[in-house]
Amino acid sequence: VSGKDFKPQTVTIASRMTLVGLLLLFCTMVMVFLLILRV
């Protein structure tokens, strides 16, 4: 969407995507730790 004149909306959407990514990264970390400690 670069150059399409809606950068504020792009930043808002990207911020939400990043928050989802952080939640998923949290879940990934928990699962990695669980697997390691179970072994």
PDB file of all heavy atoms in Angstrom:
ATOM      1  N   VAL A   1       0.814  -1.219   0.000  1.00  0.00           N
ATOM      2  CA  VAL A   1       0.000   0.000   0.000  1.00  0.00           C
ATOM      3  C   VAL A   1       0.846   1.267   0.000  1.00  0.00           C
ATOM      4  O   VAL A   1       0.301   2.368   0.052  1.00  0.00           O
ATOM      5  CB  VAL A   1      -0.995   0.029   1.185  1.00  0.00           C
ATOM      6  CG1 VAL A   1      -1.918  -1.168   1.137  1.00  0.00           C
ATOM      7  CG2 VAL A   1      -0.271   0.109   2.513  1.00  0.00           C
ATOM      8  N   SER A   2       2.159   1.125  -0.084  1.00  0.00           N
ATOM      9  CA  SER A   2       3.041   2.276  -0.068  1.00  0.00           C
ATOM     10  C   SER A   2       2.688   3.248  -1.200  1.00  0.00           C
ATOM     11  O   SER A   2       2.482   2.852  -2.337  1.00  0.00           O
ATOM     12  CB  SER A   2       4.492   1.811  -0.234  1.00  0.00           C
ATOM     13  OG  SER A   2       5.365   2.902  -0.165  1.00  0.00           O
ATOM     14  N   GLY A   3       2.602   4.518  -0.825  1.00  0.00           N
ATOM     15  CA  GLY A   3       2.303   5.552  -1.808  1.00  0.00           C
ATOM     16  C   GLY A   3       0.831   5.698  -2.138  1.00  0.00           C
ATOM     17  O   GLY A   3       0.473   6.421  -3.065  1.00  0.00           O
ATOM     18  N   LYS A   4      -0.046   5.056  -1.410  1.00  0.00           N
ATOM     19  CA  LYS A   4      -1.482   5.121  -1.697  1.00  0.00           C
ATOM     20  C   LYS A   4      -2.216   6.143  -0.837  1.00  0.00           C
ATOM     21  O   LYS A   4      -3.424   6.161  -0.790  1.00  0.00           O
ATOM     22  CB  LYS A   4      -2.134   3.736  -1.480  1.00  0.00           C
ATOM     23  CG  LYS A   4      -1.510   2.634  -2.308  1.00  0.00           C
ATOM     24  CD  LYS A   4      -1.782   2.834  -3.774  1.00  0.00           C
ATOM     25  CE  LYS A   4      -1.284   1.626  -4.532  1.00  0.00           C
ATOM     26  NZ  LYS A   4      -0.514   1.930  -5.696  1.00  0.00           N
ATOM     27  N   ASP A   5      -1.467   6.980  -0.134  1.00  0.00           N
ATOM     28  CA  ASP A   5      -2.029   8.094   0.641  1.00  0.00           C
ATOM     29  C   ASP A   5      -2.971   7.680   1.759  1.00  0.00           C
ATOM     30  O   ASP A   5      -3.992   8.325   1.995  1.00  0.00           O
ATOM     31  CB  ASP A   5      -2.739   9.105  -0.279  1.00  0.00           C
ATOM     32  CG  ASP A   5      -1.774   9.832  -1.184  1.00  0.00           C
ATOM     33  OD1 ASP A   5      -0.614  10.039  -0.759  1.00  0.00           O
ATOM     34  OD2 ASP A   5      -2.164  10.190  -2.311  1.00  0.00           O
ATOM     35  N   PHE A   6      -2.670   6.608   2.441  1.00  0.00           N
ATOM     36  CA  PHE A   6      -3.389   6.314   3.679  1.00  0.00           C
ATOM     37  C   PHE A   6      -2.456   5.709   4.712  1.00  0.00           C
ATOM     38  O   PHE A   6      -2.717   4.680   5.316  1.00  0.00           O
ATOM     39  CB  PHE A   6      -4.672   5.502   3.476  1.00  0.00           C
ATOM     40  CG  PHE A   6      -4.525   4.200   2.743  1.00  0.00           C
ATOM     41  CD1 PHE A   6      -4.363   3.010   3.453  1.00  0.00           C
ATOM     42  CD2 PHE A   6      -4.593   4.134   1.368  1.00  0.00           C
ATOM     43  CE1 PHE A   6      -4.247   1.803   2.792  1.00  0.00           C
ATOM     44  CE2 PHE A   6      -4.467   2.931   0.706  1.00  0.00           C
ATOM     45  CZ  PHE A   6      -4.303   1.767   1.417  1.00  0.00           C
ATOM     46  N   LYS A   7      -1.346   6.427   4.907  1.00  0.00           N
ATOM     47  CA  LYS A   7      -0.336   5.962   5.850  1.00  0.00           C
ATOM     48  C   LYS A   7      -0.860   5.863   7.286  1.00  0.00           C
ATOM     49  O   LYS A   7      -0.543   4.888   7.975  1.00  0.00           O
ATOM     50  CB  LYS A   7       0.903   6.840   5.801  1.00  0.00           C
ATOM     51  CG  LYS A   7       2.062   6.229   6.555  1.00  0.00           C
ATOM     52  CD  LYS A   7       3.339   6.924   6.215  1.00  0.00           C
ATOM     53  CE  LYS A   7       4.486   5.967   6.380  1.00  0.00           C
ATOM     54  NZ  LYS A   7       5.701   6.483   5.798  1.00  0.00           N
ATOM     55  N   PRO A   8      -1.650   6.817   7.787  1.00  0.00           N
ATOM     56  CA  PRO A   8      -2.142   6.659   9.165  1.00  0.00           C
ATOM     57  C   PRO A   8      -2.928   5.348   9.359  1.00  0.00           C
ATOM     58  O   PRO A   8      -2.748   4.664  10.363  1.00  0.00           O
ATOM     59  CB  PRO A   8      -3.037   7.883   9.371  1.00  0.00           C
ATOM     60  CG  PRO A   8      -2.481   8.909   8.435  1.00  0.00           C
ATOM     61  CD  PRO A   8      -2.027   8.127   7.229  1.00  0.00           C
ATOM     62  N   GLN A   9      -3.764   5.001   8.393  1.00  0.00           N
ATOM     63  CA  GLN A   9      -4.514   3.754   8.489  1.00  0.00           C
ATOM     64  C   GLN A   9      -3.574   2.547   8.396  1.00  0.00           C
ATOM     65  O   GLN A   9      -3.766   1.544   9.083  1.00  0.00           O
ATOM     66  CB  GLN A   9      -5.580   3.652   7.382  1.00  0.00           C
ATOM     67  CG  GLN A   9      -6.644   4.716   7.462  1.00  0.00           C
ATOM     68  CD  GLN A   9      -6.278   5.994   6.696  1.00  0.00           C
ATOM     69  OE1 GLN A   9      -5.112   6.310   6.462  1.00  0.00           O
ATOM     70  NE2 GLN A   9      -7.296   6.754   6.334  1.00  0.00           N
ATOM     71  N   THR A  10      -2.564   2.645   7.553  1.00  0.00           N
ATOM     72  CA  THR A  10      -1.586   1.567   7.404  1.00  0.00           C
ATOM     73  C   THR A  10      -0.864   1.329   8.720  1.00  0.00           C
ATOM     74  O   THR A  10      -0.667   0.183   9.136  1.00  0.00           O
ATOM     75  CB  THR A  10      -0.570   1.910   6.295  1.00  0.00           C
ATOM     76  OG1 THR A  10      -1.263   2.110   5.067  1.00  0.00           O
ATOM     77  CG2 THR A  10       0.460   0.812   6.127  1.00  0.00           C
ATOM     78  N   VAL A  11      -0.469   2.407   9.388  1.00  0.00           N
ATOM     79  CA  VAL A  11       0.226   2.281  10.670  1.00  0.00           C
ATOM     80  C   VAL A  11      -0.683   1.641  11.713  1.00  0.00           C
ATOM     81  O   VAL A  11      -0.249   0.774  12.478  1.00  0.00           O
ATOM     82  CB  VAL A  11       0.754   3.652  11.155  1.00  0.00           C
ATOM     83  CG1 VAL A  11       1.341   3.549  12.548  1.00  0.00           C
ATOM     84  CG2 VAL A  11       1.782   4.197  10.184  1.00  0.00           C
ATOM     85  N   THR A  12      -1.945   2.016  11.723  1.00  0.00           N
ATOM     86  CA  THR A  12      -2.899   1.433  12.677  1.00  0.00           C
ATOM     87  C   THR A  12      -3.072  -0.057  12.428  1.00  0.00           C
ATOM     88  O   THR A  12      -3.022  -0.870  13.362  1.00  0.00           O
ATOM     89  CB  THR A  12      -4.261   2.154  12.576  1.00  0.00           C
ATOM     90  OG1 THR A  12      -4.070   3.537  12.908  1.00  0.00           O
ATOM     91  CG2 THR A  12      -5.280   1.545  13.515  1.00  0.00           C
ATOM     92  N   ILE A  13      -3.251  -0.435  11.181  1.00  0.00           N
ATOM     93  CA  ILE A  13      -3.408  -1.856  10.838  1.00  0.00           C
ATOM     94  C   ILE A  13      -2.133  -2.623  11.174  1.00  0.00           C
ATOM     95  O   ILE A  13      -2.176  -3.704  11.780  1.00  0.00           O
ATOM     96  CB  ILE A  13      -3.779  -2.026   9.354  1.00  0.00           C
ATOM     97  CG1 ILE A  13      -5.162  -1.443   9.078  1.00  0.00           C
ATOM     98  CG2 ILE A  13      -3.721  -3.495   8.941  1.00  0.00           C
ATOM     99  CD1 ILE A  13      -5.471  -1.265   7.596  1.00  0.00           C
ATOM    100  N   ALA A  14      -0.985  -2.075  10.822  1.00  0.00           N
ATOM    101  CA  ALA A  14       0.295  -2.728  11.095  1.00  0.00           C
ATOM    102  C   ALA A  14       0.527  -2.869  12.599  1.00  0.00           C
ATOM    103  O   ALA A  14       1.077  -3.879  13.058  1.00  0.00           O
ATOM    104  CB  ALA A  14       1.436  -1.959  10.446  1.00  0.00           C
ATOM    105  N   SER A  15       0.102  -1.888  13.377  1.00  0.00           N
ATOM    106  CA  SER A  15       0.224  -1.966  14.835  1.00  0.00           C
ATOM    107  C   SER A  15      -0.605  -3.123  15.384  1.00  0.00           C
ATOM    108  O   SER A  15      -0.153  -3.860  16.268  1.00  0.00           O
ATOM    109  CB  SER A  15      -0.226  -0.659  15.484  1.00  0.00           C
ATOM    110  OG  SER A  15       0.653   0.376  15.144  1.00  0.00           O
ATOM    111  N   ARG A  16      -1.787  -3.291  14.859  1.00  0.00           N
ATOM    112  CA  ARG A  16      -2.643  -4.404  15.305  1.00  0.00           C
ATOM    113  C   ARG A  16      -2.049  -5.749  14.894  1.00  0.00           C
ATOM    114  O   ARG A  16      -2.097  -6.714  15.655  1.00  0.00           O
ATOM    115  CB  ARG A  16      -4.051  -4.226  14.751  1.00  0.00           C
ATOM    116  CG  ARG A  16      -4.760  -3.055  15.398  1.00  0.00           C
ATOM    117  CD  ARG A  16      -6.130  -2.821  14.852  1.00  0.00           C
ATOM    118  NE  ARG A  16      -6.717  -1.649  15.511  1.00  0.00           N
ATOM    119  CZ  ARG A  16      -7.610  -0.870  14.973  1.00  0.00           C
ATOM    120  NH1 ARG A  16      -8.071  -1.126  13.763  1.00  0.00           N
ATOM    121  NH2 ARG A  16      -8.086   0.156  15.633  1.00  0.00           N
ATOM    122  N   MET A  17      -1.495  -5.807  13.692  1.00  0.00           N
ATOM    123  CA  MET A  17      -0.846  -7.037  13.238  1.00  0.00           C
ATOM    124  C   MET A  17       0.331  -7.380  14.152  1.00  0.00           C
ATOM    125  O   MET A  17       0.547  -8.546  14.497  1.00  0.00           O
ATOM    126  CB  MET A  17      -0.364  -6.886  11.790  1.00  0.00           C
ATOM    127  CG  MET A  17      -1.482  -6.747  10.781  1.00  0.00           C
ATOM    128  SD  MET A  17      -0.874  -6.224   9.154  1.00  0.00           S
ATOM    129  CE  MET A  17      -0.397  -7.802   8.479  1.00  0.00           C
ATOM    130  N   THR A  18       1.072  -6.360  14.557  1.00  0.00           N
ATOM    131  CA  THR A  18       2.218  -6.563  15.436  1.00  0.00           C
ATOM    132  C   THR A  18       1.775  -7.065  16.806  1.00  0.00           C
ATOM    133  O   THR A  18       2.405  -7.962  17.373  1.00  0.00           O
ATOM    134  CB  THR A  18       3.031  -5.258  15.577  1.00  0.00           C
ATOM    135  OG1 THR A  18       3.439  -4.839  14.268  1.00  0.00           O
ATOM    136  CG2 THR A  18       4.239  -5.442  16.463  1.00  0.00           C
ATOM    137  N   LEU A  19       0.688  -6.520  17.328  1.00  0.00           N
ATOM    138  CA  LEU A  19       0.174  -6.995  18.611  1.00  0.00           C
ATOM    139  C   LEU A  19      -0.227  -8.462  18.521  1.00  0.00           C
ATOM    140  O   LEU A  19       0.084  -9.255  19.414  1.00  0.00           O
ATOM    141  CB  LEU A  19      -1.006  -6.136  19.077  1.00  0.00           C
ATOM    142  CG  LEU A  19      -1.585  -6.492  20.437  1.00  0.00           C
ATOM    143  CD1 LEU A  19      -0.513  -6.458  21.518  1.00  0.00           C
ATOM    144  CD2 LEU A  19      -2.724  -5.566  20.789  1.00  0.00           C
ATOM    145  N   VAL A  20      -0.894  -8.844  17.434  1.00  0.00           N
ATOM    146  CA  VAL A  20      -1.234 -10.263  17.227  1.00  0.00           C
ATOM    147  C   VAL A  20       0.052 -11.089  17.173  1.00  0.00           C
ATOM    148  O   VAL A  20       0.138 -12.167  17.783  1.00  0.00           O
ATOM    149  CB  VAL A  20      -2.080 -10.454  15.947  1.00  0.00           C
ATOM    150  CG1 VAL A  20      -2.205 -11.930  15.579  1.00  0.00           C
ATOM    151  CG2 VAL A  20      -3.458  -9.823  16.121  1.00  0.00           C
ATOM    152  N   GLY A  21       1.061 -10.577  16.474  1.00  0.00           N
ATOM    153  CA  GLY A  21       2.340 -11.274  16.394  1.00  0.00           C
ATOM    154  C   GLY A  21       2.976 -11.462  17.761  1.00  0.00           C
ATOM    155  O   GLY A  21       3.538 -12.518  18.058  1.00  0.00           O
ATOM    156  N   LEU A  22       2.895 -10.448  18.616  1.00  0.00           N
ATOM    157  CA  LEU A  22       3.451 -10.568  19.969  1.00  0.00           C
ATOM    158  C   LEU A  22       2.691 -11.601  20.793  1.00  0.00           C
ATOM    159  O   LEU A  22       3.296 -12.363  21.555  1.00  0.00           O
ATOM    160  CB  LEU A  22       3.440  -9.208  20.663  1.00  0.00           C
ATOM    161  CG  LEU A  22       4.423  -8.177  20.113  1.00  0.00           C
ATOM    162  CD1 LEU A  22       4.220  -6.823  20.778  1.00  0.00           C
ATOM    163  CD2 LEU A  22       5.851  -8.660  20.279  1.00  0.00           C
ATOM    164  N   LEU A  23       1.378 -11.636  20.646  1.00  0.00           N
ATOM    165  CA  LEU A  23       0.590 -12.664  21.345  1.00  0.00           C
ATOM    166  C   LEU A  23       0.981 -14.064  20.865  1.00  0.00           C
ATOM    167  O   LEU A  23       1.131 -14.988  21.669  1.00  0.00           O
ATOM    168  CB  LEU A  23      -0.906 -12.424  21.137  1.00  0.00           C
ATOM    169  CG  LEU A  23      -1.495 -11.229  21.868  1.00  0.00           C
ATOM    170  CD1 LEU A  23      -2.895 -10.917  21.340  1.00  0.00           C
ATOM    171  CD2 LEU A  23      -1.540 -11.486  23.364  1.00  0.00           C
ATOM    172  N   LEU A  24       1.162 -14.209  19.561  1.00  0.00           N
ATOM    173  CA  LEU A  24       1.577 -15.504  19.015  1.00  0.00           C
ATOM    174  C   LEU A  24       3.002 -15.856  19.431  1.00  0.00           C
ATOM    175  O   LEU A  24       3.303 -17.026  19.710  1.00  0.00           O
ATOM    176  CB  LEU A  24       1.437 -15.508  17.496  1.00  0.00           C
ATOM    177  CG  LEU A  24      -0.003 -15.519  16.980  1.00  0.00           C
ATOM    178  CD1 LEU A  24      -0.041 -15.182  15.496  1.00  0.00           C
ATOM    179  CD2 LEU A  24      -0.660 -16.851  17.267  1.00  0.00           C
ATOM    180  N   LEU A  25       3.883 -14.855  19.491  1.00  0.00           N
ATOM    181  CA  LEU A  25       5.243 -15.100  19.957  1.00  0.00           C
ATOM    182  C   LEU A  25       5.229 -15.554  21.414  1.00  0.00           C
ATOM    183  O   LEU A  25       5.964 -16.467  21.798  1.00  0.00           O
ATOM    184  CB  LEU A  25       6.105 -13.837  19.796  1.00  0.00           C
ATOM    185  CG  LEU A  25       7.572 -13.938  20.203  1.00  0.00           C
ATOM    186  CD1 LEU A  25       8.290 -15.043  19.429  1.00  0.00           C
ATOM    187  CD2 LEU A  25       8.265 -12.596  20.000  1.00  0.00           C
ATOM    188  N   PHE A  26       4.375 -14.956  22.209  1.00  0.00           N
ATOM    189  CA  PHE A  26       4.201 -15.380  23.604  1.00  0.00           C
ATOM    190  C   PHE A  26       3.783 -16.849  23.660  1.00  0.00           C
ATOM    191  O   PHE A  26       4.361 -17.645  24.408  1.00  0.00           O
ATOM    192  CB  PHE A  26       3.160 -14.486  24.293  1.00  0.00           C
ATOM    193  CG  PHE A  26       2.783 -14.942  25.670  1.00  0.00           C
ATOM    194  CD1 PHE A  26       3.612 -14.668  26.747  1.00  0.00           C
ATOM    195  CD2 PHE A  26       1.613 -15.636  25.893  1.00  0.00           C
ATOM    196  CE1 PHE A  26       3.269 -15.088  28.029  1.00  0.00           C
ATOM    197  CE2 PHE A  26       1.260 -16.066  27.156  1.00  0.00           C
ATOM    198  CZ  PHE A  26       2.087 -15.782  28.236  1.00  0.00           C
ATOM    199  N   CYS A  27       2.794 -17.218  22.848  1.00  0.00           N
ATOM    200  CA  CYS A  27       2.334 -18.618  22.810  1.00  0.00           C
ATOM    201  C   CYS A  27       3.447 -19.558  22.348  1.00  0.00           C
ATOM    202  O   CYS A  27       3.615 -20.652  22.907  1.00  0.00           O
ATOM    203  CB  CYS A  27       1.119 -18.752  21.890  1.00  0.00           C
ATOM    204  SG  CYS A  27      -0.357 -17.922  22.509  1.00  0.00           S
ATOM    205  N   THR A  28       4.209 -19.135  21.360  1.00  0.00           N
ATOM    206  CA  THR A  28       5.320 -19.951  20.871  1.00  0.00           C
ATOM    207  C   THR A  28       6.350 -20.155  21.973  1.00  0.00           C
ATOM    208  O   THR A  28       6.826 -21.273  22.191  1.00  0.00           O
ATOM    209  CB  THR A  28       5.981 -19.298  19.642  1.00  0.00           C
ATOM    210  OG1 THR A  28       4.992 -19.064  18.639  1.00  0.00           O
ATOM    211  CG2 THR A  28       7.079 -20.185  19.064  1.00  0.00           C
ATOM    212  N   MET A  29       6.686 -19.083  22.685  1.00  0.00           N
ATOM    213  CA  MET A  29       7.650 -19.194  23.781  1.00  0.00           C
ATOM    214  C   MET A  29       7.167 -20.163  24.851  1.00  0.00           C
ATOM    215  O   MET A  29       7.937 -20.993  25.343  1.00  0.00           O
ATOM    216  CB  MET A  29       7.886 -17.817  24.431  1.00  0.00           C
ATOM    217  CG  MET A  29       8.744 -16.889  23.644  1.00  0.00           C
ATOM    218  SD  MET A  29       8.914 -15.265  24.442  1.00  0.00           S
ATOM    219  CE  MET A  29       9.327 -15.675  26.116  1.00  0.00           C
ATOM    220  N   VAL A  30       5.914 -20.052  25.219  1.00  0.00           N
ATOM    221  CA  VAL A  30       5.354 -20.930  26.246  1.00  0.00           C
ATOM    222  C   VAL A  30       5.435 -22.384  25.793  1.00  0.00           C
ATOM    223  O   VAL A  30       5.850 -23.271  26.554  1.00  0.00           O
ATOM    224  CB  VAL A  30       3.895 -20.532  26.578  1.00  0.00           C
ATOM    225  CG1 VAL A  30       3.202 -21.594  27.424  1.00  0.00           C
ATOM    226  CG2 VAL A  30       3.870 -19.180  27.290  1.00  0.00           C
ATOM    227  N   MET A  31       5.080 -22.639  24.538  1.00  0.00           N
ATOM    228  CA  MET A  31       5.095 -24.011  24.034  1.00  0.00           C
ATOM    229  C   MET A  31       6.516 -24.562  23.919  1.00  0.00           C
ATOM    230  O   MET A  31       6.758 -25.735  24.223  1.00  0.00           O
ATOM    231  CB  MET A  31       4.366 -24.093  22.693  1.00  0.00           C
ATOM    232  CG  MET A  31       2.879 -23.759  22.778  1.00  0.00           C
ATOM    233  SD  MET A  31       1.955 -24.775  23.935  1.00  0.00           S
ATOM    234  CE  MET A  31       1.982 -26.335  23.078  1.00  0.00           C
ATOM    235  N   VAL A  32       7.464 -23.741  23.494  1.00  0.00           N
ATOM    236  CA  VAL A  32       8.866 -24.186  23.422  1.00  0.00           C
ATOM    237  C   VAL A  32       9.361 -24.540  24.821  1.00  0.00           C
ATOM    238  O   VAL A  32       9.978 -25.588  25.040  1.00  0.00           O
ATOM    239  CB  VAL A  32       9.766 -23.094  22.778  1.00  0.00           C
ATOM    240  CG1 VAL A  32      11.239 -23.375  23.039  1.00  0.00           C
ATOM    241  CG2 VAL A  32       9.492 -22.993  21.291  1.00  0.00           C
ATOM    242  N   PHE A  33       9.070 -23.672  25.767  1.00  0.00           N
ATOM    243  CA  PHE A  33       9.494 -23.914  27.144  1.00  0.00           C
ATOM    244  C   PHE A  33       8.846 -25.188  27.694  1.00  0.00           C
ATOM    245  O   PHE A  33       9.512 -25.987  28.361  1.00  0.00           O
ATOM    246  CB  PHE A  33       9.139 -22.691  27.993  1.00  0.00           C
ATOM    247  CG  PHE A  33       9.878 -22.589  29.293  1.00  0.00           C
ATOM    248  CD1 PHE A  33      11.255 -22.685  29.346  1.00  0.00           C
ATOM    249  CD2 PHE A  33       9.188 -22.381  30.474  1.00  0.00           C
ATOM    250  CE1 PHE A  33      11.938 -22.574  30.550  1.00  0.00           C
ATOM    251  CE2 PHE A  33       9.856 -22.275  31.681  1.00  0.00           C
ATOM    252  CZ  PHE A  33      11.228 -22.375  31.727  1.00  0.00           C
ATOM    253  N   LEU A  34       7.567 -25.382  27.378  1.00  0.00           N
ATOM    254  CA  LEU A  34       6.873 -26.591  27.823  1.00  0.00           C
ATOM    255  C   LEU A  34       7.526 -27.839  27.250  1.00  0.00           C
ATOM    256  O   LEU A  34       7.795 -28.811  27.976  1.00  0.00           O
ATOM    257  CB  LEU A  34       5.394 -26.536  27.432  1.00  0.00           C
ATOM    258  CG  LEU A  34       4.565 -27.776  27.776  1.00  0.00           C
ATOM    259  CD1 LEU A  34       4.543 -28.009  29.283  1.00  0.00           C
ATOM    260  CD2 LEU A  34       3.147 -27.618  27.230  1.00  0.00           C
ATOM    261  N   LEU A  35       7.794 -27.837  25.976  1.00  0.00           N
ATOM    262  CA  LEU A  35       8.407 -29.007  25.345  1.00  0.00           C
ATOM    263  C   LEU A  35       9.784 -29.296  25.947  1.00  0.00           C
ATOM    264  O   LEU A  35      10.097 -30.438  26.289  1.00  0.00           O
ATOM    265  CB  LEU A  35       8.516 -28.807  23.833  1.00  0.00           C
ATOM    266  CG  LEU A  35       9.075 -29.998  23.053  1.00  0.00           C
ATOM    267  CD1 LEU A  35       8.179 -31.220  23.210  1.00  0.00           C
ATOM    268  CD2 LEU A  35       9.217 -29.635  21.578  1.00  0.00           C
ATOM    269  N   ILE A  36      10.579 -28.264  26.098  1.00  0.00           N
ATOM    270  CA  ILE A  36      11.922 -28.447  26.653  1.00  0.00           C
ATOM    271  C   ILE A  36      11.852 -29.007  28.073  1.00  0.00           C
ATOM    272  O   ILE A  36      12.548 -29.968  28.413  1.00  0.00           O
ATOM    273  CB  ILE A  36      12.712 -27.121  26.622  1.00  0.00           C
ATOM    274  CG1 ILE A  36      13.051 -26.745  25.186  1.00  0.00           C
ATOM    275  CG2 ILE A  36      13.978 -27.216  27.478  1.00  0.00           C
ATOM    276  CD1 ILE A  36      13.588 -25.333  25.028  1.00  0.00           C
ATOM    277  N   LEU A  37      11.000 -28.421  28.897  1.00  0.00           N
ATOM    278  CA  LEU A  37      10.927 -28.879  30.289  1.00  0.00           C
ATOM    279  C   LEU A  37      10.288 -30.255  30.416  1.00  0.00           C
ATOM    280  O   LEU A  37      10.662 -31.029  31.297  1.00  0.00           O
ATOM    281  CB  LEU A  37      10.199 -27.855  31.155  1.00  0.00           C
ATOM    282  CG  LEU A  37      10.990 -26.572  31.417  1.00  0.00           C
ATOM    283  CD1 LEU A  37      10.211 -25.641  32.329  1.00  0.00           C
ATOM    284  CD2 LEU A  37      12.359 -26.878  32.010  1.00  0.00           C
ATOM    285  N   ARG A  38       9.346 -30.592  29.549  1.00  0.00           N
ATOM    286  CA  ARG A  38       8.768 -31.950  29.597  1.00  0.00           C
ATOM    287  C   ARG A  38       9.833 -32.991  29.250  1.00  0.00           C
ATOM    288  O   ARG A  38       9.888 -34.044  29.862  1.00  0.00           O
ATOM    289  CB  ARG A  38       7.582 -32.072  28.642  1.00  0.00           C
ATOM    290  CG  ARG A  38       6.293 -31.521  29.244  1.00  0.00           C
ATOM    291  CD  ARG A  38       5.095 -31.786  28.355  1.00  0.00           C
ATOM    292  NE  ARG A  38       4.972 -33.144  27.906  1.00  0.00           N
ATOM    293  CZ  ARG A  38       4.307 -34.117  28.551  1.00  0.00           C
ATOM    294  NH1 ARG A  38       3.742 -33.860  29.716  1.00  0.00           N
ATOM    295  NH2 ARG A  38       4.210 -35.321  28.035  1.00  0.00           N
ATOM    296  N   VAL A  39      10.676 -32.685  28.279  1.00  0.00           N
ATOM    297  CA  VAL A  39      11.747 -33.613  27.914  1.00  0.00           C
ATOM    298  C   VAL A  39      12.793 -33.676  29.030  1.00  0.00           C
ATOM    299  O   VAL A  39      13.282 -34.742  29.379  1.00  0.00           O
ATOM    300  CB  VAL A  39      12.389 -33.213  26.567  1.00  0.00           C
ATOM    301  CG1 VAL A  39      13.648 -34.026  26.294  1.00  0.00           C
ATOM    302  CG2 VAL A  39      11.386 -33.389  25.436  1.00  0.00           C
TER     303      VAL A  39
END
